[in-house]
Structure formats: structure tokens, C-alpha cells
Amino acid sequence: MQLLLIRHGESEDDFLEEDYQGTTDLPLTANGIEQVKKMCRRVSEEFPPECIWSSTLLRASGTAGMLSDTIKCPVEFLDGLRERQEGESEEDFTKRAQQVLSDIKENSASYKRIAIISHGGMITNLIARFLQLPHEMNDIWFVSNNTGIHLLEYTEHPYKLIRIMNSTSHLD
């Protein structure tokens, strides 16, 4: 199964203070909507998913809705895909990411490719869980630009593939 991890488009949240942790729920900007349209075109042409899983926060759910409308596939919304919340410890955030990845994998077993629309911190955590990095390694960050696409794959062999990391060529 292939996992498309996609960060939402630019949102009003991107313009908040630097130590902001993702707890507000603001929509996409006009620029963010244009970014998402470009990402949708690319995903529909190159690697359309059969199902989309999305965070419930507006910037992600708006991105997921646009992708769903473009490729005509269902969206499942999960609170667990939200960004790290105020007062949530790094350990609890990591555990949540592990649980949500496990749940998505189990509930998507019949699909060849799915998309997960989420946030930078959650995407970093999902990649770390995919790679089975030790929970203590919390000083790693996988960059996810607005509408950045990561393509990960579980294979029939005893290894996993990272096919694409943070691709934004659709924005060029």
C-alpha cells in the first residue's frame, strides 16, 4: 500500500507567532487555495488515491475536500490527524501518531494507495512511525511545505520505500 502524506495549503495559521503549535483552526488563504488546486491536478494525474484521510482542522479538511472533489473519492475525517495540541506532551503526540497510523493502515487494507492530509508536525510523526524510529528520537523533523507531498510505500518484501519527500514541483 502506498501512503501519500500531504500537508495542507497555506492558511491564516501560517502567519501566527513562531512558537505556534497548531491549536487554532483557521481556513486556507486565497494563495493556499491556489496551492491546493495545483496539488490536486498533480495528484490526480500522477498518483490518485482511492481514499483520503484528513485532519478535522479547517486548513486540512478544506484541502481534503478539494482533493476529493477533483479525484472523486471519499474522505474520512479523523481528530487524531490534528496537529500537536496545546498542553499535549511530545510523548502523547507520538503515541497518537502511532495509533492513527495503525488505525488508518488497518482500515485501508483493501486500497493500493491512500492520501493522508494533515499538518507538518503530524506528518513528521507519521514518517517517523512508518520508519519505526525509536520514540526517544524526537529531535528529527521531516520538512513539509504547504501542499508538500511525501510518498511512502509498504511493500510485500520486508522493507518499506520512501519514494518522494516533500515534493512541491506542482507549485513551480
N, C-alpha and C. Protein backbone atom coordinates (compact mmCIF):
# COMPACT_ATOMS: atom_id res chain seq x y z
N MET A 1 0.84 -1.18 0.00
CA MET A 1 0.00 0.00 0.00
C MET A 1 0.89 1.25 0.00
N GLN A 2 0.48 2.22 -0.80
CA GLN A 2 1.18 3.49 -0.83
C GLN A 2 0.43 4.52 0.01
N LEU A 3 1.20 5.35 0.71
CA LEU A 3 0.65 6.44 1.52
C LEU A 3 1.13 7.76 0.95
N LEU A 4 0.20 8.58 0.53
CA LEU A 4 0.51 9.95 0.14
C LEU A 4 0.28 10.81 1.37
N LEU A 5 1.32 11.35 1.93
CA LEU A 5 1.18 12.28 3.05
C LEU A 5 1.27 13.67 2.45
N ILE A 6 0.23 14.46 2.65
CA ILE A 6 0.17 15.79 2.03
C ILE A 6 -0.15 16.84 3.10
N ARG A 7 0.69 17.84 3.17
CA ARG A 7 0.41 18.95 4.09
C ARG A 7 -0.63 19.87 3.45
N HIS A 8 -1.47 20.42 4.26
CA HIS A 8 -2.49 21.36 3.80
C HIS A 8 -1.86 22.56 3.10
N GLY A 9 -2.68 23.32 2.40
CA GLY A 9 -2.23 24.56 1.77
C GLY A 9 -2.02 25.66 2.79
N GLU A 10 -1.46 26.77 2.33
CA GLU A 10 -1.22 27.92 3.20
C GLU A 10 -2.52 28.34 3.89
N SER A 11 -2.41 28.62 5.18
CA SER A 11 -3.58 29.05 5.95
C SER A 11 -3.22 30.27 6.78
N GLU A 12 -4.24 30.88 7.35
CA GLU A 12 -4.02 32.03 8.23
C GLU A 12 -3.14 31.64 9.41
N ASP A 13 -3.14 30.37 9.80
CA ASP A 13 -2.31 29.88 10.90
C ASP A 13 -0.82 30.09 10.61
N ASP A 14 -0.45 30.07 9.32
CA ASP A 14 0.96 30.22 8.94
C ASP A 14 1.53 31.58 9.30
N PHE A 15 0.67 32.53 9.62
CA PHE A 15 1.14 33.89 9.90
C PHE A 15 1.09 34.24 11.38
N LEU A 16 0.89 33.22 12.22
CA LEU A 16 0.89 33.43 13.67
C LEU A 16 2.31 33.39 14.20
N GLU A 17 2.48 33.65 15.49
CA GLU A 17 3.81 33.72 16.08
C GLU A 17 4.60 32.43 15.84
N GLU A 18 5.92 32.54 15.92
CA GLU A 18 6.82 31.46 15.54
C GLU A 18 6.68 30.20 16.39
N ASP A 19 6.36 30.31 17.67
CA ASP A 19 6.26 29.12 18.52
C ASP A 19 4.85 28.52 18.53
N TYR A 20 4.03 28.94 17.60
CA TYR A 20 2.67 28.44 17.45
C TYR A 20 2.69 26.92 17.25
N GLN A 21 1.76 26.21 17.91
CA GLN A 21 1.76 24.75 17.85
C GLN A 21 0.56 24.14 17.13
N GLY A 22 -0.25 24.89 16.44
CA GLY A 22 -1.30 24.29 15.64
C GLY A 22 -2.66 24.16 16.29
N THR A 23 -2.89 24.88 17.38
CA THR A 23 -4.14 24.70 18.10
C THR A 23 -5.29 25.55 17.59
N THR A 24 -5.01 26.56 16.78
CA THR A 24 -6.11 27.35 16.23
C THR A 24 -6.67 26.63 15.01
N ASP A 25 -7.80 27.10 14.54
CA ASP A 25 -8.47 26.43 13.43
C ASP A 25 -8.91 27.45 12.40
N LEU A 26 -7.94 27.92 11.62
CA LEU A 26 -8.20 28.95 10.62
C LEU A 26 -8.20 28.33 9.21
N PRO A 27 -8.94 28.94 8.28
CA PRO A 27 -9.07 28.37 6.93
C PRO A 27 -7.87 28.67 6.04
N LEU A 28 -7.90 28.10 4.84
CA LEU A 28 -6.90 28.36 3.82
C LEU A 28 -6.97 29.82 3.37
N THR A 29 -5.84 30.38 3.00
CA THR A 29 -5.80 31.71 2.39
C THR A 29 -6.13 31.56 0.91
N ALA A 30 -6.29 32.67 0.21
CA ALA A 30 -6.50 32.62 -1.25
C ALA A 30 -5.31 31.95 -1.92
N ASN A 31 -4.10 32.27 -1.47
CA ASN A 31 -2.90 31.63 -2.00
C ASN A 31 -2.92 30.13 -1.69
N GLY A 32 -3.36 29.76 -0.50
CA GLY A 32 -3.46 28.35 -0.12
C GLY A 32 -4.42 27.59 -1.02
N ILE A 33 -5.52 28.21 -1.37
CA ILE A 33 -6.49 27.57 -2.28
C ILE A 33 -5.85 27.32 -3.64
N GLU A 34 -5.07 28.29 -4.14
CA GLU A 34 -4.37 28.10 -5.42
C GLU A 34 -3.34 26.98 -5.32
N GLN A 35 -2.61 26.91 -4.20
CA GLN A 35 -1.65 25.83 -3.99
C GLN A 35 -2.35 24.47 -4.03
N VAL A 36 -3.49 24.39 -3.36
CA VAL A 36 -4.23 23.13 -3.30
C VAL A 36 -4.74 22.74 -4.68
N LYS A 37 -5.22 23.69 -5.46
CA LYS A 37 -5.68 23.38 -6.82
C LYS A 37 -4.55 22.77 -7.64
N LYS A 38 -3.36 23.34 -7.55
CA LYS A 38 -2.20 22.81 -8.27
C LYS A 38 -1.83 21.42 -7.79
N MET A 39 -1.84 21.22 -6.47
CA MET A 39 -1.54 19.90 -5.91
C MET A 39 -2.57 18.88 -6.39
N CYS A 40 -3.84 19.26 -6.41
CA CYS A 40 -4.91 18.35 -6.83
C CYS A 40 -4.71 17.89 -8.28
N ARG A 41 -4.35 18.82 -9.14
CA ARG A 41 -4.09 18.46 -10.54
C ARG A 41 -2.97 17.44 -10.63
N ARG A 42 -1.89 17.69 -9.90
CA ARG A 42 -0.75 16.77 -9.95
C ARG A 42 -1.12 15.40 -9.40
N VAL A 43 -1.75 15.38 -8.24
CA VAL A 43 -2.10 14.10 -7.63
C VAL A 43 -3.05 13.31 -8.53
N SER A 44 -4.04 13.98 -9.12
CA SER A 44 -5.00 13.28 -9.98
C SER A 44 -4.32 12.70 -11.22
N GLU A 45 -3.28 13.36 -11.72
CA GLU A 45 -2.56 12.88 -12.91
C GLU A 45 -1.51 11.82 -12.59
N GLU A 46 -0.79 11.99 -11.48
CA GLU A 46 0.36 11.13 -11.21
C GLU A 46 0.09 9.98 -10.24
N PHE A 47 -0.68 10.21 -9.22
CA PHE A 47 -0.91 9.16 -8.23
C PHE A 47 -2.22 9.36 -7.48
N PRO A 48 -3.35 9.17 -8.15
CA PRO A 48 -4.63 9.36 -7.48
C PRO A 48 -4.89 8.30 -6.40
N PRO A 49 -5.29 8.72 -5.23
CA PRO A 49 -5.61 7.76 -4.17
C PRO A 49 -7.02 7.23 -4.32
N GLU A 50 -7.28 6.12 -3.66
CA GLU A 50 -8.61 5.53 -3.65
C GLU A 50 -9.42 6.01 -2.46
N CYS A 51 -8.75 6.55 -1.47
CA CYS A 51 -9.41 7.05 -0.26
C CYS A 51 -8.54 8.16 0.33
N ILE A 52 -9.18 9.11 0.99
CA ILE A 52 -8.47 10.21 1.64
C ILE A 52 -8.83 10.20 3.12
N TRP A 53 -7.81 10.33 3.95
CA TRP A 53 -7.99 10.51 5.39
C TRP A 53 -7.53 11.93 5.69
N SER A 54 -8.26 12.64 6.56
CA SER A 54 -7.91 14.03 6.80
C SER A 54 -8.10 14.43 8.26
N SER A 55 -7.25 15.34 8.67
CA SER A 55 -7.45 16.04 9.94
C SER A 55 -8.76 16.80 9.85
N THR A 56 -9.36 17.04 10.99
CA THR A 56 -10.62 17.78 11.04
C THR A 56 -10.43 19.29 11.07
N LEU A 57 -9.20 19.78 11.24
CA LEU A 57 -8.97 21.22 11.26
C LEU A 57 -9.23 21.80 9.87
N LEU A 58 -9.77 23.03 9.83
CA LEU A 58 -10.24 23.65 8.59
C LEU A 58 -9.21 23.64 7.46
N ARG A 59 -7.96 23.96 7.77
CA ARG A 59 -6.96 24.05 6.71
C ARG A 59 -6.70 22.70 6.06
N ALA A 60 -6.80 21.62 6.82
CA ALA A 60 -6.62 20.28 6.27
C ALA A 60 -7.91 19.77 5.64
N SER A 61 -9.03 19.95 6.33
CA SER A 61 -10.30 19.44 5.78
C SER A 61 -10.66 20.17 4.48
N GLY A 62 -10.32 21.45 4.38
CA GLY A 62 -10.55 22.18 3.13
C GLY A 62 -9.68 21.63 2.01
N THR A 63 -8.44 21.32 2.32
CA THR A 63 -7.53 20.72 1.34
C THR A 63 -8.06 19.36 0.91
N ALA A 64 -8.49 18.55 1.88
CA ALA A 64 -9.01 17.21 1.57
C ALA A 64 -10.27 17.28 0.73
N GLY A 65 -11.14 18.23 1.04
CA GLY A 65 -12.38 18.38 0.28
C GLY A 65 -12.12 18.71 -1.17
N MET A 66 -11.14 19.59 -1.41
CA MET A 66 -10.80 19.95 -2.78
C MET A 66 -10.21 18.76 -3.52
N LEU A 67 -9.35 17.98 -2.85
CA LEU A 67 -8.77 16.80 -3.49
C LEU A 67 -9.86 15.77 -3.78
N SER A 68 -10.75 15.57 -2.84
CA SER A 68 -11.86 14.63 -3.03
C SER A 68 -12.73 15.04 -4.23
N ASP A 69 -13.04 16.32 -4.34
CA ASP A 69 -13.84 16.80 -5.46
C ASP A 69 -13.12 16.59 -6.80
N THR A 70 -11.80 16.71 -6.78
CA THR A 70 -11.01 16.56 -8.01
C THR A 70 -10.94 15.11 -8.46
N ILE A 71 -10.67 14.20 -7.53
CA ILE A 71 -10.46 12.80 -7.93
C ILE A 71 -11.66 11.90 -7.67
N LYS A 72 -12.71 12.47 -7.08
CA LYS A 72 -13.96 11.74 -6.85
C LYS A 72 -13.76 10.48 -6.01
N CYS A 73 -13.18 10.69 -4.82
CA CYS A 73 -13.07 9.58 -3.88
C CYS A 73 -13.47 10.08 -2.49
N PRO A 74 -13.82 9.16 -1.61
CA PRO A 74 -14.32 9.56 -0.29
C PRO A 74 -13.24 10.11 0.63
N VAL A 75 -13.68 10.90 1.60
CA VAL A 75 -12.81 11.44 2.65
C VAL A 75 -13.32 10.94 3.99
N GLU A 76 -12.40 10.47 4.81
CA GLU A 76 -12.68 10.11 6.21
C GLU A 76 -11.95 11.11 7.08
N PHE A 77 -12.66 11.73 8.02
CA PHE A 77 -12.06 12.74 8.89
C PHE A 77 -11.72 12.12 10.24
N LEU A 78 -10.50 12.39 10.71
CA LEU A 78 -10.02 11.85 11.98
C LEU A 78 -9.45 12.96 12.85
N ASP A 79 -9.99 13.11 14.06
CA ASP A 79 -9.41 14.07 15.00
C ASP A 79 -7.96 13.74 15.30
N GLY A 80 -7.62 12.46 15.26
CA GLY A 80 -6.25 12.02 15.56
C GLY A 80 -5.20 12.58 14.63
N LEU A 81 -5.59 13.04 13.44
CA LEU A 81 -4.64 13.61 12.49
C LEU A 81 -4.37 15.09 12.72
N ARG A 82 -4.98 15.67 13.76
CA ARG A 82 -4.73 17.08 14.06
C ARG A 82 -3.28 17.30 14.44
N GLU A 83 -2.87 18.56 14.34
CA GLU A 83 -1.53 18.95 14.76
C GLU A 83 -1.42 18.79 16.28
N ARG A 84 -0.20 18.81 16.78
CA ARG A 84 0.02 18.72 18.22
C ARG A 84 -0.77 19.83 18.90
N GLN A 85 -1.49 19.47 19.94
CA GLN A 85 -2.39 20.41 20.60
C GLN A 85 -1.72 21.03 21.84
N GLU A 86 -2.20 22.20 22.19
CA GLU A 86 -1.67 22.90 23.36
C GLU A 86 -1.80 22.00 24.58
N GLY A 87 -0.71 21.85 25.32
CA GLY A 87 -0.71 21.03 26.53
C GLY A 87 -0.45 19.55 26.26
N GLU A 88 -0.37 19.13 25.00
CA GLU A 88 -0.10 17.73 24.66
C GLU A 88 1.40 17.49 24.70
N SER A 89 1.83 16.52 25.46
CA SER A 89 3.27 16.24 25.55
C SER A 89 3.76 15.62 24.24
N GLU A 90 5.05 15.71 24.01
CA GLU A 90 5.66 15.11 22.82
C GLU A 90 5.41 13.60 22.82
N GLU A 91 5.48 12.99 23.99
CA GLU A 91 5.25 11.55 24.11
C GLU A 91 3.80 11.19 23.72
N ASP A 92 2.85 11.97 24.21
CA ASP A 92 1.45 11.70 23.87
C ASP A 92 1.17 11.95 22.38
N PHE A 93 1.81 12.96 21.82
CA PHE A 93 1.66 13.25 20.40
C PHE A 93 2.20 12.08 19.56
N THR A 94 3.35 11.56 19.97
CA THR A 94 3.95 10.41 19.28
C THR A 94 3.04 9.19 19.38
N LYS A 95 2.49 8.95 20.55
CA LYS A 95 1.58 7.80 20.73
C LYS A 95 0.34 7.97 19.86
N ARG A 96 -0.17 9.18 19.78
CA ARG A 96 -1.35 9.43 18.95
C ARG A 96 -1.04 9.16 17.47
N ALA A 97 0.13 9.60 17.03
CA ALA A 97 0.53 9.36 15.64
C ALA A 97 0.65 7.86 15.37
N GLN A 98 1.23 7.12 16.30
CA GLN A 98 1.36 5.67 16.14
C GLN A 98 -0.01 5.02 16.03
N GLN A 99 -0.94 5.43 16.88
CA GLN A 99 -2.27 4.85 16.88
C GLN A 99 -3.03 5.19 15.61
N VAL A 100 -2.94 6.44 15.18
CA VAL A 100 -3.68 6.84 13.98
C VAL A 100 -3.11 6.15 12.73
N LEU A 101 -1.79 5.99 12.66
CA LEU A 101 -1.20 5.29 11.52
C LEU A 101 -1.65 3.83 11.50
N SER A 102 -1.65 3.21 12.66
CA SER A 102 -2.11 1.83 12.78
C SER A 102 -3.57 1.68 12.36
N ASP A 103 -4.42 2.60 12.85
CA ASP A 103 -5.85 2.57 12.51
C ASP A 103 -6.07 2.78 11.01
N ILE A 104 -5.38 3.75 10.44
CA ILE A 104 -5.54 4.02 9.00
C ILE A 104 -5.08 2.83 8.18
N LYS A 105 -3.95 2.27 8.55
CA LYS A 105 -3.42 1.12 7.81
C LYS A 105 -4.41 -0.05 7.87
N GLU A 106 -4.95 -0.31 9.04
CA GLU A 106 -5.91 -1.41 9.22
C GLU A 106 -7.19 -1.15 8.42
N ASN A 107 -7.68 0.07 8.45
CA ASN A 107 -8.95 0.40 7.78
C ASN A 107 -8.79 0.71 6.30
N SER A 108 -7.56 0.66 5.79
CA SER A 108 -7.31 0.93 4.38
C SER A 108 -6.67 -0.25 3.68
N ALA A 109 -6.71 -1.41 4.30
CA ALA A 109 -6.01 -2.59 3.76
C ALA A 109 -6.46 -2.97 2.36
N SER A 110 -7.67 -2.63 1.98
CA SER A 110 -8.17 -3.01 0.65
C SER A 110 -7.74 -2.03 -0.45
N TYR A 111 -7.07 -0.94 -0.09
CA TYR A 111 -6.66 0.06 -1.07
C TYR A 111 -5.20 -0.09 -1.45
N LYS A 112 -4.88 0.26 -2.68
CA LYS A 112 -3.49 0.26 -3.13
C LYS A 112 -2.79 1.57 -2.80
N ARG A 113 -3.57 2.67 -2.78
CA ARG A 113 -2.99 3.98 -2.47
C ARG A 113 -4.02 4.83 -1.74
N ILE A 114 -3.58 5.44 -0.65
CA ILE A 114 -4.43 6.36 0.10
C ILE A 114 -3.69 7.69 0.28
N ALA A 115 -4.45 8.72 0.56
CA ALA A 115 -3.87 10.02 0.88
C ALA A 115 -4.21 10.37 2.32
N ILE A 116 -3.27 10.99 2.99
CA ILE A 116 -3.48 11.50 4.34
C ILE A 116 -3.17 12.98 4.30
N ILE A 117 -4.17 13.81 4.60
CA ILE A 117 -4.00 15.26 4.61
C ILE A 117 -3.87 15.70 6.06
N SER A 118 -2.73 16.29 6.38
CA SER A 118 -2.50 16.65 7.78
C SER A 118 -1.60 17.87 7.88
N HIS A 119 -0.81 17.92 8.93
CA HIS A 119 -0.03 19.09 9.32
C HIS A 119 1.44 18.70 9.46
N GLY A 120 2.32 19.68 9.44
CA GLY A 120 3.76 19.42 9.47
C GLY A 120 4.23 18.53 10.60
N GLY A 121 3.80 18.83 11.82
CA GLY A 121 4.23 18.02 12.97
C GLY A 121 3.69 16.61 12.92
N MET A 122 2.44 16.47 12.52
CA MET A 122 1.85 15.13 12.43
C MET A 122 2.51 14.35 11.30
N ILE A 123 2.78 14.99 10.18
CA ILE A 123 3.44 14.29 9.07
C ILE A 123 4.83 13.81 9.50
N THR A 124 5.57 14.66 10.21
CA THR A 124 6.87 14.22 10.73
C THR A 124 6.70 12.98 11.60
N ASN A 125 5.72 13.01 12.47
CA ASN A 125 5.47 11.86 13.35
C ASN A 125 5.04 10.62 12.57
N LEU A 126 4.20 10.78 11.56
CA LEU A 126 3.76 9.63 10.77
C LEU A 126 4.93 9.01 10.01
N ILE A 127 5.82 9.84 9.45
CA ILE A 127 7.00 9.31 8.77
C ILE A 127 7.90 8.58 9.76
N ALA A 128 8.10 9.15 10.93
CA ALA A 128 8.92 8.51 11.96
C ALA A 128 8.33 7.17 12.39
N ARG A 129 7.01 7.11 12.50
CA ARG A 129 6.34 5.85 12.88
C ARG A 129 6.43 4.85 11.73
N PHE A 130 6.27 5.31 10.49
CA PHE A 130 6.43 4.46 9.31
C PHE A 130 7.82 3.82 9.29
N LEU A 131 8.83 4.63 9.61
CA LEU A 131 10.22 4.15 9.64
C LEU A 131 10.56 3.38 10.91
N GLN A 132 9.64 3.36 11.84
CA GLN A 132 9.81 2.70 13.13
C GLN A 132 11.02 3.25 13.89
N LEU A 133 11.17 4.58 13.84
CA LEU A 133 12.24 5.22 14.60
C LEU A 133 11.90 5.14 16.08
N PRO A 134 12.89 5.00 16.93
CA PRO A 134 12.61 4.96 18.37
C PRO A 134 11.89 6.23 18.84
N HIS A 135 10.96 6.06 19.75
CA HIS A 135 10.18 7.20 20.26
C HIS A 135 11.07 8.27 20.88
N GLU A 136 12.24 7.85 21.38
CA GLU A 136 13.16 8.80 22.02
C GLU A 136 13.79 9.75 21.01
N MET A 137 13.75 9.39 19.73
CA MET A 137 14.34 10.23 18.69
C MET A 137 13.34 11.31 18.30
N ASN A 138 13.13 12.26 19.18
CA ASN A 138 12.15 13.31 18.92
C ASN A 138 12.82 14.61 18.48
N ASP A 139 14.07 14.51 18.04
CA ASP A 139 14.78 15.70 17.56
C ASP A 139 14.92 15.70 16.04
N ILE A 140 14.07 14.90 15.36
CA ILE A 140 14.09 14.80 13.90
C ILE A 140 12.86 15.51 13.36
N TRP A 141 13.05 16.24 12.27
CA TRP A 141 11.93 16.92 11.63
C TRP A 141 12.02 16.66 10.13
N PHE A 142 10.94 16.18 9.55
CA PHE A 142 10.84 15.99 8.11
C PHE A 142 10.08 17.20 7.56
N VAL A 143 10.73 18.01 6.77
CA VAL A 143 10.14 19.24 6.27
C VAL A 143 8.94 18.93 5.39
N SER A 144 7.86 19.66 5.62
CA SER A 144 6.65 19.55 4.81
C SER A 144 6.19 20.98 4.50
N ASN A 145 6.46 21.42 3.29
CA ASN A 145 6.00 22.74 2.87
C ASN A 145 4.50 22.69 2.59
N ASN A 146 3.88 23.84 2.41
CA ASN A 146 2.46 23.86 2.08
C ASN A 146 2.21 23.04 0.81
N THR A 147 1.31 22.10 0.88
CA THR A 147 0.95 21.12 -0.14
C THR A 147 2.11 20.21 -0.53
N GLY A 148 3.13 20.13 0.32
CA GLY A 148 4.23 19.21 0.08
C GLY A 148 3.73 17.77 0.10
N ILE A 149 4.22 16.97 -0.84
CA ILE A 149 3.79 15.58 -1.00
C ILE A 149 4.93 14.64 -0.63
N HIS A 150 4.62 13.67 0.22
CA HIS A 150 5.52 12.57 0.56
C HIS A 150 4.84 11.30 0.08
N LEU A 151 5.58 10.39 -0.54
CA LEU A 151 5.01 9.13 -0.98
C LEU A 151 5.79 8.00 -0.35
N LEU A 152 5.13 7.27 0.54
CA LEU A 152 5.72 6.15 1.26
C LEU A 152 5.03 4.87 0.82
N GLU A 153 5.74 3.75 0.91
CA GLU A 153 5.12 2.51 0.45
C GLU A 153 5.49 1.33 1.34
N TYR A 154 4.46 0.62 1.76
CA TYR A 154 4.63 -0.69 2.40
C TYR A 154 4.70 -1.70 1.26
N THR A 155 5.74 -2.52 1.22
CA THR A 155 5.88 -3.50 0.15
C THR A 155 5.61 -4.91 0.67
N GLU A 156 5.56 -5.84 -0.27
CA GLU A 156 5.40 -7.25 0.12
C GLU A 156 6.69 -7.81 0.68
N HIS A 157 7.78 -7.12 0.45
CA HIS A 157 9.09 -7.52 0.95
C HIS A 157 9.26 -7.02 2.38
N PRO A 158 10.31 -7.41 3.04
CA PRO A 158 10.47 -6.96 4.44
C PRO A 158 11.02 -5.54 4.58
N TYR A 159 10.80 -4.70 3.59
CA TYR A 159 11.26 -3.32 3.70
C TYR A 159 10.17 -2.36 3.22
N LYS A 160 10.39 -1.11 3.56
CA LYS A 160 9.47 -0.04 3.19
C LYS A 160 10.22 0.92 2.28
N LEU A 161 9.48 1.58 1.41
CA LEU A 161 10.09 2.52 0.47
C LEU A 161 9.66 3.95 0.75
N ILE A 162 10.61 4.85 0.60
CA ILE A 162 10.30 6.27 0.58
C ILE A 162 10.53 6.69 -0.87
N ARG A 163 9.44 6.98 -1.57
CA ARG A 163 9.54 7.29 -3.00
C ARG A 163 9.69 8.79 -3.24
N ILE A 164 9.02 9.61 -2.46
CA ILE A 164 9.05 11.06 -2.63
C ILE A 164 9.03 11.70 -1.24
N MET A 165 9.81 12.77 -1.08
CA MET A 165 9.80 13.53 0.17
C MET A 165 9.57 15.01 -0.13
N ASN A 166 8.51 15.56 0.41
CA ASN A 166 8.21 16.99 0.36
C ASN A 166 8.29 17.58 -1.05
N SER A 167 7.73 16.91 -2.02
CA SER A 167 7.74 17.42 -3.38
C SER A 167 6.71 18.55 -3.53
N THR A 168 7.18 19.66 -4.06
CA THR A 168 6.30 20.80 -4.34
C THR A 168 6.46 21.27 -5.78
N SER A 169 6.89 20.38 -6.67
CA SER A 169 7.11 20.78 -8.06
C SER A 169 5.82 21.29 -8.72
N HIS A 170 4.67 20.91 -8.19
CA HIS A 170 3.39 21.40 -8.72
C HIS A 170 3.22 22.91 -8.51
N LEU A 171 4.01 23.50 -7.62
CA LEU A 171 3.90 24.92 -7.33
C LEU A 171 4.79 25.78 -8.24
N ASP A 172 5.68 25.12 -8.99
CA ASP A 172 6.61 25.85 -9.87
C ASP A 172 5.89 26.51 -11.03
